[in-house]
């Protein structure tokens, strides 16, 4: 299937319900008024897209490119297959996200042209539901996921993105809407394992209601060039929010990660911990933004970004931002960029540990705090093996 240049042609081919067509049209209107990302825009000044041409991505990946596992912990529906009443209800819940990204080109592009769209209603289960997004038999996939957690239950979800290394470039761009109602407890995990021919642009928009908990664990590696937004709107009092992420990059991989937490109510706690390890000529940019308006009281917020360079040619940039307009708050931030400490190597050598094993211990120890925050032992073991092979292998 080809992604038509005209949104009206594309929608006609899909034969979608009228409410879904209206939703796309709103996004299309936003898209028509937004400049394509360029270095003059604050969030895009670190990434060059001079060799990116959207017109080259027209072959939509097959339906099998989105798959689900251990789905006993979730009820999964294609948007177009929902009843008219339920679809209108779900799209109403997505409207704030559409508005939130109304000035961002890639999320608006996904809202207007999504190729795969699902509503996922989570429920309490011993299984960890997983959604897996790949790009099969095509060169573009634009998934829209609307995920809703229940009240008064603890639930989890793993969202996994994978792509191969190949000759031709592919585009993977998606929006995930994460809804945590009052008294909900939602642990969201995302893993990106991308080939070196993948442009990847993502936005994950979390909205929390009163007295809820939201915990995001992020692991991202590979890809050609990418930009990810992880945004939290804390819309109710008494919320707890946590982001913990890691990015081990090598070769010429480039990633730009931006985490933004917007407090809009009092009596809330939020924290960000993001750690990267970069080797060879890889480059990672991290931006953390905490926004607390003047009417908020009794808010605690902290962001930490630590970066470890394994080669002099590797680059890591840390851009902390605190937009704090309230008085009765406690905010902290910290950022470090450095190489492996020679004194640590010397100490371990004095204990009979050779340099290779010592470097392994240091890298694994550096990322261990984030790895521990993932919800299952199998994922933690997977990440441990990946870190060893990517950061310490040939």
Protein backbone atom coordinates (compact mmCIF):
# COMPACT_ATOMS: atom_id res chain seq x y z
CA UNK A 1 0.00 0.00 0.00
CA UNK A 2 1.30 3.46 -0.88
CA UNK A 3 1.06 6.44 1.43
CA UNK A 4 -0.75 8.92 -0.81
CA UNK A 5 0.47 12.51 -1.06
CA UNK A 6 -3.11 13.65 -0.53
CA UNK A 7 -4.51 12.92 2.92
CA UNK A 8 -8.02 12.78 1.46
CA UNK A 9 -6.96 10.02 -0.95
CA UNK A 10 -5.28 8.12 1.86
CA UNK A 11 -8.35 8.35 4.11
CA UNK A 12 -10.62 7.28 1.25
CA UNK A 13 -8.53 4.16 0.72
CA UNK A 14 -8.79 3.31 4.42
CA UNK A 15 -12.64 3.63 4.49
CA UNK A 16 -12.55 4.84 8.08
CA UNK A 17 -15.39 5.99 10.38
CA UNK A 18 -16.26 9.67 10.08
CA UNK A 19 -14.96 10.53 13.58
CA UNK A 20 -11.54 9.12 12.68
CA UNK A 21 -11.53 11.11 9.44
CA UNK A 22 -12.34 14.27 11.42
CA UNK A 23 -9.49 13.54 13.84
CA UNK A 24 -7.06 13.14 10.95
CA UNK A 25 -8.32 16.36 9.35
CA UNK A 26 -7.66 18.36 12.53
CA UNK A 27 -4.10 17.02 12.59
CA UNK A 28 -3.70 17.73 8.88
CA UNK A 29 -4.66 21.33 9.49
CA UNK A 30 -2.03 21.58 12.25
CA UNK A 31 0.53 19.96 9.99
CA UNK A 32 -0.06 22.45 7.20
CA UNK A 33 0.84 25.31 9.56
CA UNK A 34 4.03 23.83 11.06
CA UNK A 35 7.50 24.32 9.60
CA UNK A 36 9.48 21.17 8.97
CA UNK A 37 12.08 20.70 11.77
CA UNK A 38 15.25 22.70 11.25
CA UNK A 39 18.15 24.03 13.30
CA UNK A 40 16.34 27.32 14.06
CA UNK A 41 13.89 25.43 16.28
CA UNK A 42 15.12 24.93 19.85
CA UNK A 43 14.27 21.23 20.11
CA UNK A 44 15.81 20.45 16.71
CA UNK A 45 18.99 22.50 16.68
CA UNK A 46 21.23 19.51 17.44
CA UNK A 47 20.03 17.17 14.70
CA UNK A 48 20.62 17.63 10.98
CA UNK A 49 17.90 16.37 8.65
CA UNK A 50 19.45 17.72 5.45
CA UNK A 51 19.47 14.24 3.91
CA UNK A 52 15.95 13.34 5.03
CA UNK A 53 13.28 13.54 2.30
CA UNK A 54 9.78 12.56 3.40
CA UNK A 55 8.76 11.94 -0.22
CA UNK A 56 11.05 8.90 -0.34
CA UNK A 57 8.96 7.00 2.21
CA UNK A 58 5.79 5.76 0.53
CA UNK A 59 5.67 1.98 1.04
CA UNK A 60 3.64 1.35 4.18
CA UNK A 61 4.73 -1.59 6.29
CA UNK A 62 2.30 -4.50 6.52
CA UNK A 63 -0.30 -5.08 9.26
CA UNK A 64 1.96 -7.79 10.69
CA UNK A 65 4.52 -5.09 11.55
CA UNK A 66 2.53 -4.45 14.74
CA UNK A 67 2.17 -7.53 16.93
CA UNK A 68 1.16 -8.29 20.51
CA UNK A 69 2.41 -10.79 23.09
CA UNK A 70 1.16 -11.88 26.53
CA UNK A 71 -1.98 -9.93 25.77
CA UNK A 72 -3.94 -11.35 28.73
CA UNK A 73 -2.94 -8.12 30.50
CA UNK A 74 -4.61 -5.93 27.90
CA UNK A 75 -7.63 -5.63 25.63
CA UNK A 76 -6.40 -4.52 22.21
CA UNK A 77 -8.56 -3.02 19.46
CA UNK A 78 -7.89 -1.34 16.15
CA UNK A 79 -9.35 2.15 16.27
CA UNK A 80 -11.40 1.66 13.11
CA UNK A 81 -13.00 -1.49 14.58
CA UNK A 82 -14.30 0.18 17.74
CA UNK A 83 -18.02 0.94 17.97
CA UNK A 84 -18.88 4.54 16.98
CA UNK A 85 -19.60 5.45 20.60
CA UNK A 86 -16.38 3.91 21.94
CA UNK A 87 -14.30 5.43 19.14
CA UNK A 88 -15.66 8.91 19.90
CA UNK A 89 -14.85 8.38 23.60
CA UNK A 90 -11.28 7.25 22.86
CA UNK A 91 -10.60 10.06 20.38
CA UNK A 92 -11.87 12.59 22.92
CA UNK A 93 -9.21 11.29 25.31
CA UNK A 94 -6.59 11.72 22.56
CA UNK A 95 -7.54 15.34 21.81
CA UNK A 96 -5.27 16.84 24.53
CA UNK A 97 -2.29 15.04 22.97
CA UNK A 98 -3.23 16.31 19.52
CA UNK A 99 -3.32 19.82 20.95
CA UNK A 100 -0.10 19.34 22.96
CA UNK A 101 1.86 18.48 19.80
CA UNK A 102 0.09 20.97 17.54
CA UNK A 103 3.40 22.79 16.94
CA UNK A 104 5.52 19.66 16.45
CA UNK A 105 5.83 18.38 12.89
CA UNK A 106 6.52 14.67 13.35
CA UNK A 107 3.81 13.96 15.97
CA UNK A 108 1.31 15.95 13.89
CA UNK A 109 2.38 13.96 10.83
CA UNK A 110 1.61 10.74 12.72
CA UNK A 111 -1.77 12.04 13.92
CA UNK A 112 -2.68 12.95 10.34
CA UNK A 113 -1.21 9.99 8.45
CA UNK A 114 -1.04 7.13 10.96
CA UNK A 115 -0.71 3.77 9.25
CA UNK A 116 -1.58 1.55 12.23
CA UNK A 117 -3.75 2.67 15.16
CA UNK A 118 -4.74 0.81 18.32
CA UNK A 119 -6.58 1.39 21.57
CA UNK A 120 -5.08 -0.64 24.43
CA UNK A 121 -6.99 -1.00 27.68
CA UNK A 122 -4.72 -2.47 30.36
CA UNK A 123 -5.80 -4.70 33.20
CA UNK A 124 -4.09 -6.27 36.17
CA UNK A 125 -2.23 -9.44 35.20
CA UNK A 126 0.86 -11.41 36.12
CA UNK A 127 1.89 -11.26 32.45
CA UNK A 128 3.72 -8.27 30.99
CA UNK A 129 1.80 -7.25 27.85
CA UNK A 130 4.10 -6.37 24.96
CA UNK A 131 3.48 -4.50 21.73
CA UNK A 132 6.16 -4.95 19.09
CA UNK A 133 6.60 -2.52 16.21
CA UNK A 134 8.78 -3.40 13.24
CA UNK A 135 8.83 -2.39 9.58
CA UNK A 136 8.14 -5.35 7.31
CA UNK A 137 7.61 -5.23 3.54
CA UNK A 138 7.83 -1.46 3.36
CA UNK A 139 9.87 1.60 4.32
CA UNK A 140 7.51 3.62 6.54
CA UNK A 141 5.43 2.91 9.63
CA UNK A 142 3.50 5.53 11.61
CA UNK A 143 1.79 3.86 14.59
CA UNK A 144 -0.64 5.66 16.87
CA UNK A 145 -1.20 3.93 20.22
CA UNK A 146 -3.72 5.07 22.81
CA UNK A 147 -3.05 3.23 26.08
CA UNK A 148 -5.32 3.52 29.10
CA UNK A 149 -4.56 2.18 32.58
CA UNK A 150 -7.36 1.41 35.08
CA UNK A 151 -7.98 3.10 38.41
CA UNK A 152 -6.94 1.42 41.66
CA UNK A 153 -4.78 -1.22 39.96
CA UNK A 154 -1.10 -1.65 39.15
CA UNK A 155 -0.50 -2.41 35.47
CA UNK A 156 2.42 -2.51 33.06
CA UNK A 157 3.20 -2.43 29.34
CA UNK A 158 6.31 -3.02 27.24
CA UNK A 159 6.54 -1.22 23.90
CA UNK A 160 9.33 -2.58 21.70
CA UNK A 161 10.63 -1.08 18.44
CA UNK A 162 12.91 -3.14 16.22
CA UNK A 163 14.38 -2.75 12.74
CA UNK A 164 17.16 -4.45 10.76
CA UNK A 165 20.31 -2.93 9.32
CA UNK A 166 19.90 -2.82 5.56
CA UNK A 167 20.93 -0.90 2.48
CA UNK A 168 17.82 1.27 2.11
CA UNK A 169 16.68 3.80 4.71
CA UNK A 170 13.37 3.37 6.52
CA UNK A 171 11.24 5.74 8.59
CA UNK A 172 9.69 4.76 11.91
CA UNK A 173 7.71 7.53 13.59
CA UNK A 174 5.02 7.08 16.20
CA UNK A 175 2.93 8.62 18.94
CA UNK A 176 2.02 6.77 22.12
CA UNK A 177 -0.60 8.30 24.43
CA UNK A 178 -0.38 7.00 28.00
CA UNK A 179 -3.37 7.70 30.25
CA UNK A 180 -3.19 7.10 34.00
CA UNK A 181 -6.48 7.87 35.78
CA UNK A 182 -6.98 8.87 39.40
CA UNK A 183 -5.38 6.35 41.78
CA UNK A 184 -3.85 4.43 38.87
CA UNK A 185 -0.37 2.87 38.98
CA UNK A 186 1.19 2.43 35.53
CA UNK A 187 4.67 1.07 34.76
CA UNK A 188 5.54 1.73 31.14
CA UNK A 189 8.69 0.33 29.53
CA UNK A 190 10.03 0.95 26.05
CA UNK A 191 12.94 -0.69 24.24
CA UNK A 192 14.31 0.49 20.89
CA UNK A 193 16.73 -1.83 19.07
CA UNK A 194 17.14 -0.26 15.66
CA UNK A 195 19.28 -0.94 12.62
CA UNK A 196 21.73 1.60 11.25
CA UNK A 197 19.43 2.53 8.34
CA UNK A 198 16.50 3.75 10.44
CA UNK A 199 15.31 7.31 10.87
CA UNK A 200 13.26 7.23 14.08
CA UNK A 201 11.08 9.95 15.58
CA UNK A 202 8.86 9.27 18.57
CA UNK A 203 6.58 11.06 20.99
CA UNK A 204 5.21 9.47 24.16
CA UNK A 205 2.64 11.64 25.93
CA UNK A 206 1.69 10.71 29.48
CA UNK A 207 -1.24 12.33 31.29
CA UNK A 208 -1.78 11.65 35.01
CA UNK A 209 -4.84 12.33 37.11
CA UNK A 210 -5.09 12.79 40.89
CA UNK A 211 -3.06 10.53 43.21
CA UNK A 212 -1.66 8.41 40.37
CA UNK A 213 1.76 6.88 39.76
CA UNK A 214 3.56 6.69 36.42
CA UNK A 215 6.94 5.00 36.01
CA UNK A 216 8.70 4.99 32.61
CA UNK A 217 11.76 2.83 31.90
CA UNK A 218 13.52 3.60 28.61
CA UNK A 219 16.27 1.73 26.75
CA UNK A 220 17.22 2.98 23.30
CA UNK A 221 20.09 2.04 21.03
CA UNK A 222 20.95 1.82 17.35
CA UNK A 223 19.34 3.68 14.49
CA UNK A 224 20.75 6.17 12.02
CA UNK A 225 19.32 9.42 13.35
CA UNK A 226 16.52 9.95 15.81
CA UNK A 227 14.64 12.32 18.06
CA UNK A 228 12.39 11.19 20.91
CA UNK A 229 10.06 13.24 23.09
CA UNK A 230 8.91 11.79 26.40
CA UNK A 231 6.35 14.18 27.87
CA UNK A 232 4.41 14.02 31.12
CA UNK A 233 1.52 16.28 32.00
CA UNK A 234 0.81 15.99 35.72
CA UNK A 235 -2.81 17.08 35.74
CA UNK A 236 -3.83 16.05 39.25
CA UNK A 237 -2.68 16.60 42.81
CA UNK A 238 -0.69 13.99 44.68
CA UNK A 239 0.99 12.42 41.64
CA UNK A 240 4.31 10.55 41.51
CA UNK A 241 6.27 10.47 38.24
CA UNK A 242 9.53 8.72 37.40
CA UNK A 243 11.61 8.46 34.19
CA UNK A 244 14.69 6.24 34.08
CA UNK A 245 16.49 5.72 30.79
CA UNK A 246 19.67 4.47 29.17
CA UNK A 247 21.24 4.75 25.71
CA UNK A 248 24.38 2.75 24.85
CA UNK A 249 25.52 4.02 21.44
CA UNK A 250 28.38 3.09 19.11
CA UNK A 251 29.69 3.59 15.56
CA UNK A 252 28.11 6.76 14.09
CA UNK A 253 24.74 6.47 15.81
CA UNK A 254 23.00 9.73 16.73
CA UNK A 255 20.16 10.09 19.20
CA UNK A 256 18.47 13.14 20.65
CA UNK A 257 16.31 12.42 23.70
CA UNK A 258 14.12 15.03 25.37
CA UNK A 259 12.16 14.41 28.58
CA UNK A 260 9.70 17.11 29.61
CA UNK A 261 7.68 17.03 32.82
CA UNK A 262 4.97 19.66 33.17
CA UNK A 263 3.52 20.06 36.65
CA UNK A 264 0.11 21.68 36.64
CA UNK A 265 -1.04 20.74 40.17
CA UNK A 266 0.38 20.88 43.70
CA UNK A 267 1.64 18.14 46.03
CA UNK A 268 3.52 16.12 43.43
CA UNK A 269 6.90 14.46 43.03
CA UNK A 270 8.82 13.85 39.80
CA UNK A 271 12.29 12.58 38.92
CA UNK A 272 14.40 11.89 35.84
CA UNK A 273 17.51 9.72 35.68
CA UNK A 274 19.07 9.23 32.23
CA UNK A 275 22.43 7.59 31.60
CA UNK A 276 24.30 7.12 28.33
CA UNK A 277 27.46 5.31 27.33
CA UNK A 278 28.93 6.29 23.95
CA UNK A 279 31.86 4.83 22.06
CA UNK A 280 33.62 5.32 18.71
CA UNK A 281 31.94 8.25 16.88
CA UNK A 282 28.48 8.00 18.42
CA UNK A 283 26.70 11.14 19.63
CA UNK A 284 23.91 11.49 22.20
CA UNK A 285 22.03 14.65 23.19
CA UNK A 286 19.87 14.68 26.32
CA UNK A 287 17.51 17.50 27.26
CA UNK A 288 15.58 17.42 30.53
CA UNK A 289 12.89 20.02 31.15
CA UNK A 290 10.98 20.52 34.40
CA UNK A 291 8.16 23.08 34.28
CA UNK A 292 6.44 24.21 37.48
CA UNK A 293 4.00 27.17 37.24
CA UNK A 294 3.50 29.74 40.00
CA UNK A 295 0.28 28.27 41.43
CA UNK A 296 1.88 24.92 42.33
CA UNK A 297 2.88 24.25 45.92
CA UNK A 298 4.76 21.43 47.65
CA UNK A 299 6.35 20.05 44.48
CA UNK A 300 9.63 18.12 44.46
CA UNK A 301 11.42 17.61 41.17
CA UNK A 302 14.86 16.30 40.27
CA UNK A 303 16.66 15.48 37.03
CA UNK A 304 20.02 13.75 36.67
CA UNK A 305 21.88 12.99 33.44
CA UNK A 306 25.18 11.08 33.51
CA UNK A 307 27.25 10.34 30.40
CA UNK A 308 30.24 8.02 30.05
CA UNK A 309 32.59 8.36 27.06
CA UNK A 310 34.55 5.27 26.05
CA UNK A 311 36.48 6.99 23.24
CA UNK A 312 37.79 10.51 22.67
CA UNK A 313 35.80 10.64 19.41
CA UNK A 314 32.47 9.95 21.15
CA UNK A 315 30.19 12.86 22.11
CA UNK A 316 27.54 13.41 24.74
CA UNK A 317 25.69 16.65 25.46
CA UNK A 318 23.51 17.41 28.44
CA UNK A 319 20.99 20.29 28.40
CA UNK A 320 19.13 20.64 31.71
CA UNK A 321 16.26 23.11 31.84
CA UNK A 322 14.29 24.18 34.89
CA UNK A 323 11.33 26.49 34.36
CA UNK A 324 10.29 27.05 37.96
CA UNK A 325 7.92 29.92 38.74
CA UNK A 326 6.68 28.73 42.14
CA UNK A 327 8.17 29.39 45.58
CA UNK A 328 7.13 26.39 47.67
CA UNK A 329 9.03 23.79 45.66
CA UNK A 330 12.25 21.80 45.87
CA UNK A 331 14.11 21.27 42.61
CA UNK A 332 17.50 19.76 41.82
CA UNK A 333 19.43 18.97 38.70
CA UNK A 334 22.80 17.51 37.88
CA UNK A 335 24.74 16.50 34.77
CA UNK A 336 28.10 14.84 34.19
CA UNK A 337 30.11 13.95 31.10
CA UNK A 338 33.38 12.10 31.49
CA UNK A 339 35.63 9.20 30.59
CA UNK A 340 36.37 6.11 32.65
CA UNK A 341 38.35 7.17 35.70
CA UNK A 342 41.95 5.97 35.49
CA UNK A 343 42.03 5.72 39.28
CA UNK A 344 39.16 3.22 39.15
CA UNK A 345 41.09 1.12 36.62
CA UNK A 346 44.21 1.32 38.76
CA UNK A 347 42.29 0.29 41.88
CA UNK A 348 40.73 -2.72 40.15
CA UNK A 349 44.10 -3.68 38.61
CA UNK A 350 45.59 -3.65 42.11
CA UNK A 351 42.96 -6.26 43.02
CA UNK A 352 44.09 -8.53 40.19
CA UNK A 353 41.38 -7.56 37.69
CA UNK A 354 42.63 -7.04 34.12
CA UNK A 355 41.70 -3.87 32.20
CA UNK A 356 39.07 -5.52 29.97
CA UNK A 357 37.19 -6.97 32.91
CA UNK A 358 37.59 -3.72 34.86
CA UNK A 359 36.06 -1.68 32.03
CA UNK A 360 33.19 -4.14 31.85
CA UNK A 361 32.54 -3.81 35.58
CA UNK A 362 32.59 -0.01 35.39
CA UNK A 363 30.22 0.20 32.40
CA UNK A 364 27.80 -2.35 33.84
CA UNK A 365 27.86 -0.65 37.21
CA UNK A 366 27.25 2.74 35.61
CA UNK A 367 24.04 1.54 33.90
CA UNK A 368 22.89 -0.92 36.58
CA UNK A 369 20.71 1.55 38.47
CA UNK A 370 18.59 2.13 35.37
CA UNK A 371 18.53 -1.53 34.32
CA UNK A 372 17.13 -2.46 37.74
CA UNK A 373 14.06 -0.32 37.11
CA UNK A 374 12.78 -2.52 34.26
CA UNK A 375 9.91 -4.75 35.40
CA UNK A 376 11.08 -8.28 34.61
CA UNK A 377 14.19 -10.37 35.11
CA UNK A 378 14.20 -11.47 31.46
CA UNK A 379 14.33 -7.85 30.27
CA UNK A 380 17.09 -7.02 32.73
CA UNK A 381 19.11 -9.99 31.47
CA UNK A 382 18.48 -8.95 27.87
CA UNK A 383 19.74 -5.44 28.59
CA UNK A 384 22.81 -6.79 30.40
CA UNK A 385 23.77 -8.93 27.40
CA UNK A 386 23.17 -6.02 25.02
CA UNK A 387 25.33 -3.65 27.05
CA UNK A 388 28.19 -6.12 27.15
CA UNK A 389 28.12 -6.83 23.41
CA UNK A 390 27.61 -3.21 22.29
CA UNK A 391 29.91 -1.42 24.69
CA UNK A 392 32.61 -4.00 25.27
CA UNK A 393 32.57 -6.15 22.11
CA UNK A 394 34.26 -5.49 18.81
